[in-house]
Amino acid sequence: EDYLAYAAQNNPGLKAAFHSWASRLERVPSVSSLPEPVFSYMYYAESVETRVGPQRQRFSLRQSFPWFGTLGARASVAEQEAWAAYRRFQSEKLKLAYQVRKAYSEYYLLGRRIEIARSTLELLGGWESIGRTRFETGQSGRSDLVRIEIEIARVTDALRALEDSKASVAEEMKHALGAPDGIEIAFPGVMPEPAVIEPDTVIAAVLSNNPSILAIDHMIMREENALRLAEKSSWPDFSLGLDYIDTGPALDPGMPESGKDPWMVSVSVKLPIWFDKNSAMKDEARAKIEMNRYERKDTEGDLRARVEKVLAEYRDASSKTELFANTLIPKAEESLAVTLTEYEGGEADFLHVLDAQRLLLDLRLEMEEALVKREIRAAELEMLAGKTFRPIN
């Protein structure tokens, strides 16, 4: 849980998705506001003489007003784009949680493999001493000793390969966490508490919570609002204007209203006469609605297939975990104990002991692998469902 919290605060990919969402949010007020008013100034290089005096300069102010409901439609389009960006941010957050859990589990498994390999070498070292003593005293042939030496060489080489892979596996985990260079991450000592997976619950959660589906839903609503906005384009926009003209005194000082500055109010209308363009905008919005609806069906089908595949792998890993823990490992421990007793009584040779010991260690490692596979598949199901299936403490 600490790793998940750290990754949520430091992973650069998640930060990028967050700022993408934040930038979409900031578009809403900008697209739903009126256009900026236009101020203009005109200076008459040569004054225009009028009855009341010469016109010297003009000040104008213009404000455009889209058709009723246009600004609301623009805001709705931007809001749905922001919601879709938020769902993509959610998706990145879920993917990050999956990557952290996967990297954590694989790093844990590597640690257990190294630990088991070292334990095996320690056991083999003890058996090598026994085998050498028995060979030197004539109690056994050299073949037992050679077999032990071969096994030691094999396990030593496997341990070297495992230790060489530590850096790359640790780097995957540091990348998911967004951890700085130079930091050392210890092998995890325990696996997370297992998830409680019920297939019907998982499938229902995927279809209702998956961010990819929800993002498409918002894009459908976005295009529906874009269609409403396109329909508004068939209606005219208006502009209101205000003009003020600075007028000097008339040539005749006795002229009534000499030097009076005139004010004018104007109204202009933008005529949407290019019907083909407006019709194309509506057709484009309708086509995008249908595109997103079909994309939703396709995504839903892909998710169903993926969930079924992951569920099958999860059930297989769970079944193997129980088989190893409840049947195979206890049987292997019993077999080793019996073989040791027979060996001490001279009824079994050393190779049988070695094989029984190796079988037990291999089964323990396979159980760890099954546990890790179960955890990774559970994490994948949580990513697809957009929720956790672990007990809440």
Protein backbone atom coordinates (compact mmCIF):
# COMPACT_ATOMS: atom_id res chain seq x y z
CA GLU A 1 0.00 0.00 0.00
CA ASP A 2 2.89 2.38 0.68
CA TYR A 3 4.30 1.67 -2.76
CA LEU A 4 0.90 2.38 -4.36
CA ALA A 5 0.62 5.69 -2.50
CA TYR A 6 4.18 6.68 -3.46
CA ALA A 7 3.60 5.83 -7.12
CA ALA A 8 0.36 7.85 -7.20
CA GLN A 9 2.31 10.91 -6.08
CA ASN A 10 5.46 10.47 -8.14
CA ASN A 11 4.82 8.52 -11.35
CA PRO A 12 5.40 10.92 -14.30
CA GLY A 13 2.89 9.18 -16.59
CA LEU A 14 0.11 9.63 -14.04
CA LYS A 15 1.09 13.28 -13.55
CA ALA A 16 0.86 13.82 -17.32
CA ALA A 17 -2.65 12.30 -17.39
CA PHE A 18 -3.69 14.49 -14.45
CA HIS A 19 -2.53 17.70 -16.13
CA SER A 20 -4.24 16.64 -19.36
CA TRP A 21 -7.49 16.44 -17.41
CA ALA A 22 -6.79 19.76 -15.65
CA SER A 23 -6.16 21.49 -18.99
CA ARG A 24 -9.50 20.21 -20.33
CA LEU A 25 -11.28 21.59 -17.28
CA GLU A 26 -9.82 25.04 -17.95
CA ARG A 27 -11.33 25.06 -21.46
CA VAL A 28 -14.91 25.09 -20.14
CA PRO A 29 -15.04 28.75 -19.04
CA SER A 30 -13.11 29.90 -22.10
CA VAL A 31 -15.45 28.34 -24.68
CA SER A 32 -18.63 29.29 -22.81
CA SER A 33 -17.81 32.99 -22.60
CA LEU A 34 -18.91 35.71 -24.99
CA PRO A 35 -16.42 36.74 -27.69
CA GLU A 36 -14.12 39.58 -26.69
CA PRO A 37 -15.59 43.02 -27.46
CA VAL A 38 -13.85 44.96 -30.22
CA PHE A 39 -12.82 48.59 -29.72
CA SER A 40 -11.74 50.66 -32.71
CA TYR A 41 -10.52 54.21 -33.13
CA MET A 42 -10.60 56.30 -36.27
CA TYR A 43 -8.86 59.63 -36.70
CA TYR A 44 -9.93 61.80 -39.61
CA ALA A 45 -6.75 62.92 -41.33
CA GLU A 46 -8.98 65.42 -43.09
CA SER A 47 -11.96 66.53 -41.06
CA VAL A 48 -15.42 65.92 -42.42
CA GLU A 49 -17.33 69.19 -42.31
CA THR A 50 -20.91 68.96 -41.16
CA ARG A 51 -23.58 71.51 -40.33
CA VAL A 52 -22.74 71.39 -36.63
CA GLY A 53 -18.97 71.29 -37.06
CA PRO A 54 -16.02 69.21 -38.33
CA GLN A 55 -15.86 65.51 -37.36
CA ARG A 56 -12.34 64.88 -36.04
CA GLN A 57 -12.24 61.31 -34.61
CA ARG A 58 -14.50 58.29 -34.03
CA PHE A 59 -14.63 55.75 -31.18
CA SER A 60 -16.41 52.42 -31.75
CA LEU A 61 -17.24 49.43 -29.54
CA ARG A 62 -18.65 46.12 -30.87
CA GLN A 63 -19.93 43.05 -29.01
CA SER A 64 -21.00 39.84 -30.72
CA PHE A 65 -23.71 37.54 -29.31
CA PRO A 66 -24.07 33.94 -30.57
CA TRP A 67 -27.56 32.52 -31.08
CA PHE A 68 -29.44 31.54 -27.94
CA GLY A 69 -28.08 28.33 -26.41
CA THR A 70 -24.86 28.32 -28.43
CA LEU A 71 -22.63 29.12 -25.44
CA GLY A 72 -24.33 26.45 -23.35
CA ALA A 73 -23.79 23.87 -26.09
CA ARG A 74 -20.11 24.82 -26.34
CA ALA A 75 -19.76 24.46 -22.58
CA SER A 76 -21.42 21.04 -22.68
CA VAL A 77 -19.03 19.86 -25.40
CA ALA A 78 -16.02 21.03 -23.35
CA GLU A 79 -17.42 19.50 -20.14
CA GLN A 80 -17.80 16.08 -21.75
CA GLU A 81 -14.26 16.33 -23.16
CA ALA A 82 -13.07 17.07 -19.60
CA TRP A 83 -15.01 14.08 -18.28
CA ALA A 84 -13.43 11.85 -20.93
CA ALA A 85 -9.98 13.16 -19.93
CA TYR A 86 -10.83 12.40 -16.30
CA ARG A 87 -11.74 8.81 -17.24
CA ARG A 88 -8.42 8.49 -19.07
CA PHE A 89 -6.70 9.77 -15.92
CA GLN A 90 -8.59 7.12 -13.93
CA SER A 91 -7.48 4.51 -16.44
CA GLU A 92 -3.84 5.57 -16.05
CA LYS A 93 -4.17 5.41 -12.28
CA LEU A 94 -5.58 1.88 -12.45
CA LYS A 95 -2.88 0.81 -14.90
CA LEU A 96 -0.26 2.24 -12.57
CA ALA A 97 -1.68 0.29 -9.61
CA TYR A 98 -1.54 -2.85 -11.74
CA GLN A 99 2.05 -2.14 -12.80
CA VAL A 100 3.10 -1.58 -9.18
CA ARG A 101 1.39 -4.76 -7.97
CA LYS A 102 2.86 -6.74 -10.87
CA ALA A 103 6.37 -5.37 -10.33
CA TYR A 104 6.06 -5.91 -6.57
CA SER A 105 4.96 -9.54 -7.07
CA GLU A 106 7.68 -10.31 -9.61
CA TYR A 107 10.30 -8.72 -7.35
CA TYR A 108 8.99 -10.76 -4.43
CA LEU A 109 9.19 -13.95 -6.53
CA LEU A 110 12.76 -13.16 -7.54
CA GLY A 111 13.66 -12.76 -3.88
CA ARG A 112 12.06 -16.09 -3.02
CA ARG A 113 13.86 -17.82 -5.91
CA ILE A 114 17.19 -16.45 -4.71
CA GLU A 115 16.37 -17.43 -1.14
CA ILE A 116 15.41 -20.99 -2.15
CA ALA A 117 18.50 -21.32 -4.36
CA ARG A 118 20.74 -20.25 -1.48
CA SER A 119 18.97 -22.66 0.87
CA THR A 120 19.44 -25.41 -1.70
CA LEU A 121 23.16 -24.66 -1.95
CA GLU A 122 23.45 -24.72 1.82
CA LEU A 123 21.75 -28.12 1.94
CA LEU A 124 23.87 -29.44 -0.90
CA GLY A 125 27.00 -28.22 0.86
CA GLY A 126 26.06 -30.30 3.89
CA TRP A 127 25.30 -33.33 1.73
CA GLU A 128 28.59 -32.86 -0.10
CA SER A 129 30.46 -33.15 3.19
CA ILE A 130 28.52 -36.30 4.05
CA GLY A 131 29.04 -37.77 0.58
CA ARG A 132 32.77 -37.07 0.69
CA THR A 133 33.10 -38.68 4.10
CA ARG A 134 31.14 -41.73 2.96
CA PHE A 135 33.27 -41.99 -0.18
CA GLU A 136 36.52 -41.69 1.75
CA THR A 137 35.41 -44.35 4.25
CA GLY A 138 34.23 -46.65 1.47
CA GLN A 139 30.58 -46.51 2.46
CA SER A 140 29.52 -45.30 -1.00
CA GLY A 141 30.89 -44.93 -4.48
CA ARG A 142 32.20 -41.78 -6.10
CA SER A 143 29.03 -41.47 -8.23
CA ASP A 144 27.08 -40.03 -5.28
CA LEU A 145 29.71 -37.35 -4.72
CA VAL A 146 29.86 -36.49 -8.43
CA ARG A 147 26.08 -36.20 -8.53
CA ILE A 148 26.16 -33.73 -5.64
CA GLU A 149 28.93 -31.69 -7.30
CA ILE A 150 26.90 -31.53 -10.52
CA GLU A 151 23.85 -30.39 -8.58
CA ILE A 152 25.88 -27.72 -6.76
CA ALA A 153 27.24 -26.40 -10.05
CA ARG A 154 23.76 -26.34 -11.57
CA VAL A 155 22.21 -24.45 -8.65
CA THR A 156 25.20 -22.08 -8.41
CA ASP A 157 24.76 -21.11 -12.06
CA ALA A 158 21.01 -20.64 -11.57
CA LEU A 159 21.66 -18.44 -8.52
CA ARG A 160 24.13 -16.32 -10.50
CA ALA A 161 21.53 -15.78 -13.25
CA LEU A 162 18.90 -14.84 -10.67
CA GLU A 163 21.18 -12.33 -8.96
CA ASP A 164 22.14 -10.85 -12.34
CA SER A 165 18.46 -10.27 -13.13
CA LYS A 166 17.85 -8.38 -9.88
CA ALA A 167 18.85 -5.00 -11.34
CA SER A 168 16.43 -5.19 -14.29
CA VAL A 169 13.49 -6.40 -12.17
CA ALA A 170 14.18 -3.72 -9.54
CA GLU A 171 14.37 -1.10 -12.31
CA GLU A 172 10.87 -2.04 -13.50
CA MET A 173 9.56 -1.46 -10.00
CA LYS A 174 11.39 1.86 -9.63
CA HIS A 175 10.01 3.00 -12.98
CA ALA A 176 6.44 2.20 -11.90
CA LEU A 177 7.01 4.03 -8.61
CA GLY A 178 8.68 7.03 -10.21
CA ALA A 179 11.51 6.54 -7.71
CA PRO A 180 14.75 8.53 -8.15
CA ASP A 181 17.96 6.98 -9.45
CA GLY A 182 20.28 5.44 -6.91
CA ILE A 183 17.58 4.31 -4.51
CA GLU A 184 17.79 0.68 -3.35
CA ILE A 185 14.56 -1.29 -3.01
CA ALA A 186 14.67 -4.35 -0.77
CA PHE A 187 12.97 -7.58 -1.72
CA PRO A 188 9.37 -7.62 -0.45
CA GLY A 189 8.97 -10.02 2.45
CA VAL A 190 5.26 -10.80 2.10
CA MET A 191 2.59 -10.92 -0.55
CA PRO A 192 -0.46 -8.60 -0.34
CA GLU A 193 -3.67 -9.88 1.18
CA PRO A 194 -5.42 -11.93 -1.52
CA ALA A 195 -8.39 -10.52 -3.39
CA VAL A 196 -11.85 -12.08 -3.20
CA ILE A 197 -12.80 -12.75 -6.81
CA GLU A 198 -16.37 -13.66 -7.78
CA PRO A 199 -16.78 -13.88 -11.58
CA ASP A 200 -20.29 -12.37 -11.79
CA THR A 201 -19.28 -9.47 -9.55
CA VAL A 202 -16.14 -8.86 -11.58
CA ILE A 203 -17.91 -8.84 -14.95
CA ALA A 204 -20.65 -6.52 -13.65
CA ALA A 205 -18.02 -4.15 -12.24
CA VAL A 206 -16.06 -4.14 -15.50
CA LEU A 207 -19.14 -3.24 -17.56
CA SER A 208 -20.18 -0.46 -15.17
CA ASN A 209 -16.84 0.94 -13.93
CA ASN A 210 -14.23 0.40 -16.63
CA PRO A 211 -12.80 3.87 -17.47
CA SER A 212 -12.40 3.06 -21.17
CA ILE A 213 -16.14 2.39 -21.51
CA LEU A 214 -17.02 5.44 -19.40
CA ALA A 215 -14.72 7.62 -21.52
CA ILE A 216 -16.53 6.48 -24.67
CA ASP A 217 -19.88 7.25 -23.01
CA HIS A 218 -18.67 10.80 -22.41
CA MET A 219 -17.50 11.07 -26.02
CA ILE A 220 -20.98 9.99 -27.17
CA MET A 221 -22.48 12.78 -25.03
CA ARG A 222 -19.83 15.11 -26.36
CA GLU A 223 -20.88 14.42 -29.95
CA GLU A 224 -24.57 14.76 -29.05
CA ASN A 225 -23.81 18.24 -27.74
CA ALA A 226 -21.66 18.89 -30.81
CA LEU A 227 -24.73 18.04 -32.94
CA ARG A 228 -26.79 20.51 -30.90
CA LEU A 229 -24.05 23.09 -31.44
CA ALA A 230 -24.02 22.39 -35.19
CA GLU A 231 -27.77 22.93 -35.31
CA LYS A 232 -27.24 26.33 -33.69
CA SER A 233 -24.95 27.26 -36.58
CA SER A 234 -28.01 27.44 -38.84
CA TRP A 235 -29.20 30.45 -36.85
CA PRO A 236 -27.74 33.95 -37.09
CA ASP A 237 -25.36 35.60 -34.64
CA PHE A 238 -25.88 39.23 -33.60
CA SER A 239 -23.56 42.12 -32.92
CA LEU A 240 -24.34 45.34 -31.07
CA GLY A 241 -22.27 48.43 -31.71
CA LEU A 242 -21.81 51.81 -30.12
CA ASP A 243 -20.13 54.72 -31.96
CA TYR A 244 -19.11 58.13 -30.69
CA ILE A 245 -17.85 60.91 -33.00
CA ASP A 246 -15.83 63.81 -31.66
CA THR A 247 -17.06 66.97 -33.44
CA GLY A 248 -15.51 70.41 -33.33
CA PRO A 249 -17.44 73.75 -33.19
CA ALA A 250 -19.30 74.88 -36.33
CA LEU A 251 -17.93 77.66 -38.51
CA ASP A 252 -21.01 79.69 -37.65
CA PRO A 253 -20.85 80.29 -33.90
CA GLY A 254 -24.58 80.86 -33.85
CA MET A 255 -25.42 77.50 -35.36
CA PRO A 256 -27.76 75.49 -33.11
CA GLU A 257 -26.12 72.36 -31.60
CA SER A 258 -22.70 73.60 -32.73
CA GLY A 259 -19.99 71.08 -31.82
CA LYS A 260 -22.49 68.46 -30.67
CA ASP A 261 -20.94 64.98 -30.58
CA PRO A 262 -23.23 62.34 -32.12
CA TRP A 263 -23.83 58.85 -30.61
CA MET A 264 -24.92 55.93 -32.73
CA VAL A 265 -26.14 52.42 -31.88
CA SER A 266 -25.92 49.68 -34.51
CA VAL A 267 -27.09 46.11 -34.87
CA SER A 268 -25.58 43.60 -37.32
CA VAL A 269 -26.56 40.07 -38.16
CA LYS A 270 -24.31 37.27 -39.46
CA LEU A 271 -26.33 35.37 -42.05
CA PRO A 272 -25.76 31.57 -42.14
CA ILE A 273 -26.39 31.24 -45.85
CA TRP A 274 -23.82 28.51 -46.58
CA PHE A 275 -26.21 25.65 -45.98
CA ASP A 276 -23.87 22.94 -47.26
CA LYS A 277 -21.29 23.81 -44.62
CA ASN A 278 -23.87 23.76 -41.83
CA SER A 279 -25.31 20.49 -43.06
CA ALA A 280 -21.84 18.92 -43.20
CA MET A 281 -21.19 19.91 -39.58
CA LYS A 282 -24.39 18.13 -38.50
CA ASP A 283 -23.60 15.04 -40.55
CA GLU A 284 -20.11 14.91 -39.07
CA ALA A 285 -21.50 15.00 -35.52
CA ARG A 286 -24.04 12.25 -36.30
CA ALA A 287 -21.32 10.06 -37.84
CA LYS A 288 -19.11 10.49 -34.77
CA ILE A 289 -22.01 9.52 -32.50
CA GLU A 290 -22.45 6.28 -34.42
CA MET A 291 -18.68 5.70 -34.48
CA ASN A 292 -18.47 6.00 -30.69
CA ARG A 293 -21.49 3.75 -30.18
CA TYR A 294 -19.92 1.00 -32.27
CA GLU A 295 -16.58 1.56 -30.57
CA ARG A 296 -18.29 1.10 -27.21
CA LYS A 297 -19.75 -2.25 -28.31
CA ASP A 298 -16.35 -3.34 -29.61
CA THR A 299 -14.59 -2.29 -26.40
CA GLU A 300 -17.22 -4.05 -24.29
CA GLY A 301 -16.72 -7.26 -26.29
CA ASP A 302 -12.93 -7.04 -25.95
CA LEU A 303 -13.23 -6.51 -22.21
CA ARG A 304 -15.58 -9.46 -21.77
CA ALA A 305 -13.15 -11.73 -23.62
CA ARG A 306 -10.16 -10.43 -21.68
CA VAL A 307 -11.93 -10.79 -18.32
CA GLU A 308 -12.93 -14.38 -19.08
CA LYS A 309 -9.32 -15.21 -20.03
CA VAL A 310 -7.91 -13.56 -16.89
CA LEU A 311 -10.54 -15.23 -14.70
CA ALA A 312 -9.56 -18.63 -16.10
CA GLU A 313 -5.89 -17.92 -15.36
CA TYR A 314 -6.80 -16.69 -11.87
CA ARG A 315 -8.82 -19.84 -11.13
CA ASP A 316 -5.97 -22.01 -12.41
CA ALA A 317 -3.43 -20.21 -10.19
CA SER A 318 -5.76 -20.41 -7.17
CA SER A 319 -6.33 -24.12 -7.74
CA LYS A 320 -2.61 -24.78 -8.02
CA THR A 321 -1.91 -22.75 -4.88
CA GLU A 322 -4.34 -24.88 -2.90
CA LEU A 323 -3.01 -28.08 -4.48
CA PHE A 324 0.57 -27.24 -3.55
CA ALA A 325 -0.28 -26.04 -0.04
CA ASN A 326 -2.74 -28.77 0.92
CA THR A 327 -1.54 -31.83 -1.02
CA LEU A 328 1.73 -31.77 -2.92
CA ILE A 329 4.02 -30.04 -0.41
CA PRO A 330 2.77 -32.07 2.61
CA LYS A 331 3.22 -35.25 0.52
CA ALA A 332 6.71 -34.17 -0.53
CA GLU A 333 7.65 -33.41 3.09
CA GLU A 334 6.36 -36.85 4.06
CA SER A 335 8.29 -38.45 1.20
CA LEU A 336 11.50 -36.71 2.26
CA ALA A 337 11.07 -37.81 5.87
CA VAL A 338 10.47 -41.42 4.81
CA THR A 339 13.43 -41.37 2.43
CA LEU A 340 15.73 -39.98 5.13
CA THR A 341 14.60 -42.72 7.50
CA GLU A 342 15.23 -45.37 4.87
CA TYR A 343 18.60 -43.82 4.03
CA GLU A 344 19.67 -43.86 7.68
CA GLY A 345 18.58 -47.50 7.86
CA GLY A 346 20.49 -48.39 4.72
CA GLU A 347 17.33 -49.14 2.76
CA ALA A 348 17.71 -46.26 0.25
CA ASP A 349 20.70 -44.73 -1.46
CA PHE A 350 21.73 -41.12 -1.33
CA LEU A 351 20.33 -40.23 -4.75
CA HIS A 352 16.81 -40.94 -3.52
CA VAL A 353 17.35 -38.47 -0.67
CA LEU A 354 18.69 -35.87 -3.07
CA ASP A 355 15.75 -36.29 -5.43
CA ALA A 356 13.24 -36.06 -2.57
CA GLN A 357 14.92 -32.89 -1.29
CA ARG A 358 14.97 -31.30 -4.73
CA LEU A 359 11.31 -32.22 -5.33
CA LEU A 360 10.26 -30.48 -2.10
CA LEU A 361 12.18 -27.30 -2.95
CA ASP A 362 10.83 -27.28 -6.51
CA LEU A 363 7.25 -27.63 -5.25
CA ARG A 364 7.72 -24.78 -2.78
CA LEU A 365 9.03 -22.61 -5.59
CA GLU A 366 6.12 -23.59 -7.86
CA MET A 367 3.69 -22.65 -5.09
CA GLU A 368 5.33 -19.23 -4.83
CA GLU A 369 5.00 -18.86 -8.60
CA ALA A 370 1.32 -19.80 -8.40
CA LEU A 371 0.78 -17.27 -5.60
CA VAL A 372 2.43 -14.54 -7.67
CA LYS A 373 0.44 -15.46 -10.78
CA ARG A 374 -2.78 -15.34 -8.74
CA GLU A 375 -1.86 -11.92 -7.37
CA ILE A 376 -0.99 -10.51 -10.81
CA ARG A 377 -4.22 -11.83 -12.34
CA ALA A 378 -6.23 -10.40 -9.43
CA ALA A 379 -4.50 -7.03 -9.93
CA GLU A 380 -5.36 -7.15 -13.63
CA LEU A 381 -9.02 -7.83 -12.83
CA GLU A 382 -9.03 -4.87 -10.42
CA MET A 383 -7.57 -2.68 -13.16
CA LEU A 384 -10.26 -3.74 -15.63
CA ALA A 385 -13.08 -3.42 -13.07
CA GLY A 386 -11.95 -0.07 -11.74
CA LYS A 387 -12.29 -1.20 -8.11
CA THR A 388 -10.57 -3.34 -5.52
CA PHE A 389 -11.74 -6.80 -4.48
CA ARG A 390 -9.60 -6.94 -1.35
CA PRO A 391 -11.02 -6.94 2.19
CA ILE A 392 -11.24 -3.45 3.68
CA ASN A 393 -9.47 -3.35 7.02
